């Protein structure tokens, strides 16, 4: 019976030399796989957030443009505002149609 404590000490010493047991190795693999999945989900979320930021940036730019137009229009006389509205309508509707007709 005196050999048992020596044997368990030797087993512990050998395990330290060899490395983790099969169970702990399997646990490490599971932890690695879980960490990879968490990282993938984080990358997807980061991509979604980058898209949201880009979309908000575009909306902010449009809002600033609209604000500039409204500021300029508020300083215009009624006749000048009418002329400006006709020019913008012409640029949005008529000019593109004329270009398409010219390209045919």
Protein backbone atom coordinates (compact mmCIF):
# COMPACT_ATOMS: atom_id res chain seq x y z
CA UNK A 1 0.00 0.00 0.00
CA UNK A 2 2.90 2.35 0.45
CA UNK A 3 3.40 2.35 -3.33
CA UNK A 4 -0.01 4.04 -3.93
CA UNK A 5 0.96 7.55 -2.77
CA UNK A 6 4.15 7.30 -4.77
CA UNK A 7 2.20 6.14 -7.82
CA UNK A 8 -0.34 8.99 -7.66
CA UNK A 9 2.49 11.49 -7.23
CA UNK A 10 4.20 9.98 -10.26
CA UNK A 11 0.95 10.16 -12.26
CA UNK A 12 0.54 13.84 -11.39
CA UNK A 13 4.15 14.51 -12.33
CA UNK A 14 3.70 12.78 -15.68
CA UNK A 15 0.43 14.62 -16.39
CA UNK A 16 2.19 17.93 -15.80
CA UNK A 17 4.88 16.90 -18.26
CA UNK A 18 2.47 15.61 -20.90
CA UNK A 19 -0.07 18.40 -20.70
CA UNK A 20 -3.83 18.53 -20.33
CA UNK A 21 -5.97 15.43 -20.13
CA UNK A 22 -8.32 14.42 -22.93
CA UNK A 23 -11.28 15.89 -21.05
CA UNK A 24 -9.61 19.22 -20.55
CA UNK A 25 -8.47 19.17 -24.20
CA UNK A 26 -12.08 18.61 -25.31
CA UNK A 27 -13.17 21.45 -23.03
CA UNK A 28 -10.51 23.68 -24.59
CA UNK A 29 -11.80 22.81 -28.07
CA UNK A 30 -15.36 23.65 -26.99
CA UNK A 31 -14.18 26.93 -25.51
CA UNK A 32 -12.30 27.72 -28.72
CA UNK A 33 -15.35 26.97 -30.87
CA UNK A 34 -17.56 29.10 -28.63
CA UNK A 35 -15.04 31.94 -28.77
CA UNK A 36 -14.94 31.73 -32.58
CA UNK A 37 -18.75 31.88 -32.72
CA UNK A 38 -18.86 34.86 -30.35
CA UNK A 39 -16.24 36.63 -32.48
CA UNK A 40 -18.25 35.96 -35.65
CA UNK A 41 -21.41 37.35 -34.06
CA UNK A 42 -19.46 40.41 -32.90
CA UNK A 43 -18.14 40.96 -36.44
CA UNK A 44 -21.66 40.71 -37.86
CA UNK A 45 -22.92 43.21 -35.29
CA UNK A 46 -20.00 45.56 -36.00
CA UNK A 47 -20.80 45.39 -39.72
CA UNK A 48 -24.45 46.16 -39.05
CA UNK A 49 -23.47 49.12 -36.88
CA UNK A 50 -21.08 50.41 -39.58
CA UNK A 51 -23.99 50.25 -42.03
CA UNK A 52 -26.21 52.15 -39.60
CA UNK A 53 -23.54 54.83 -39.19
CA UNK A 54 -23.18 55.17 -42.97
CA UNK A 55 -26.94 55.45 -43.38
CA UNK A 56 -27.16 58.11 -40.64
CA UNK A 57 -24.31 60.02 -42.25
CA UNK A 58 -26.19 60.10 -45.56
CA UNK A 59 -29.37 61.21 -43.80
CA UNK A 60 -27.45 63.95 -42.00
CA UNK A 61 -25.97 65.18 -45.29
CA UNK A 62 -29.42 65.30 -46.87
CA UNK A 63 -30.84 67.13 -43.87
CA UNK A 64 -28.05 69.71 -44.10
CA UNK A 65 -28.74 70.18 -47.80
CA UNK A 66 -32.45 70.61 -47.10
CA UNK A 67 -31.65 73.08 -44.34
CA UNK A 68 -29.46 75.08 -46.71
CA UNK A 69 -32.20 75.14 -49.36
CA UNK A 70 -34.79 76.25 -46.82
CA UNK A 71 -32.47 78.96 -45.51
CA UNK A 72 -31.82 80.27 -49.03
CA UNK A 73 -35.53 80.09 -49.89
CA UNK A 74 -36.53 81.96 -46.75
CA UNK A 75 -34.38 84.87 -47.89
CA UNK A 76 -35.89 84.87 -51.42
CA UNK A 77 -38.70 87.02 -52.63
CA UNK A 78 -41.85 85.30 -53.86
CA UNK A 79 -40.91 85.78 -57.52
CA UNK A 80 -37.36 84.54 -56.95
CA UNK A 81 -38.70 81.49 -55.07
CA UNK A 82 -41.02 80.69 -58.01
CA UNK A 83 -38.13 80.97 -60.48
CA UNK A 84 -35.97 78.74 -58.28
CA UNK A 85 -38.75 76.15 -58.02
CA UNK A 86 -39.17 76.10 -61.82
CA UNK A 87 -35.39 75.67 -62.30
CA UNK A 88 -35.25 72.76 -59.85
CA UNK A 89 -38.26 71.12 -61.50
CA UNK A 90 -36.66 71.56 -64.90
CA UNK A 91 -33.38 70.05 -63.68
CA UNK A 92 -35.13 67.05 -62.10
CA UNK A 93 -37.73 66.28 -64.73
CA UNK A 94 -37.17 67.84 -68.10
CA UNK A 95 -33.37 67.77 -68.46
CA UNK A 96 -33.02 64.00 -67.81
CA UNK A 97 -35.81 63.25 -70.30
CA UNK A 98 -34.17 65.43 -72.94
CA UNK A 99 -30.84 63.67 -72.37
CA UNK A 100 -32.50 60.29 -72.82
CA UNK A 101 -34.17 61.43 -76.01
CA UNK A 102 -30.89 62.84 -77.31
CA UNK A 103 -29.12 59.56 -76.54
CA UNK A 104 -31.47 57.48 -78.68
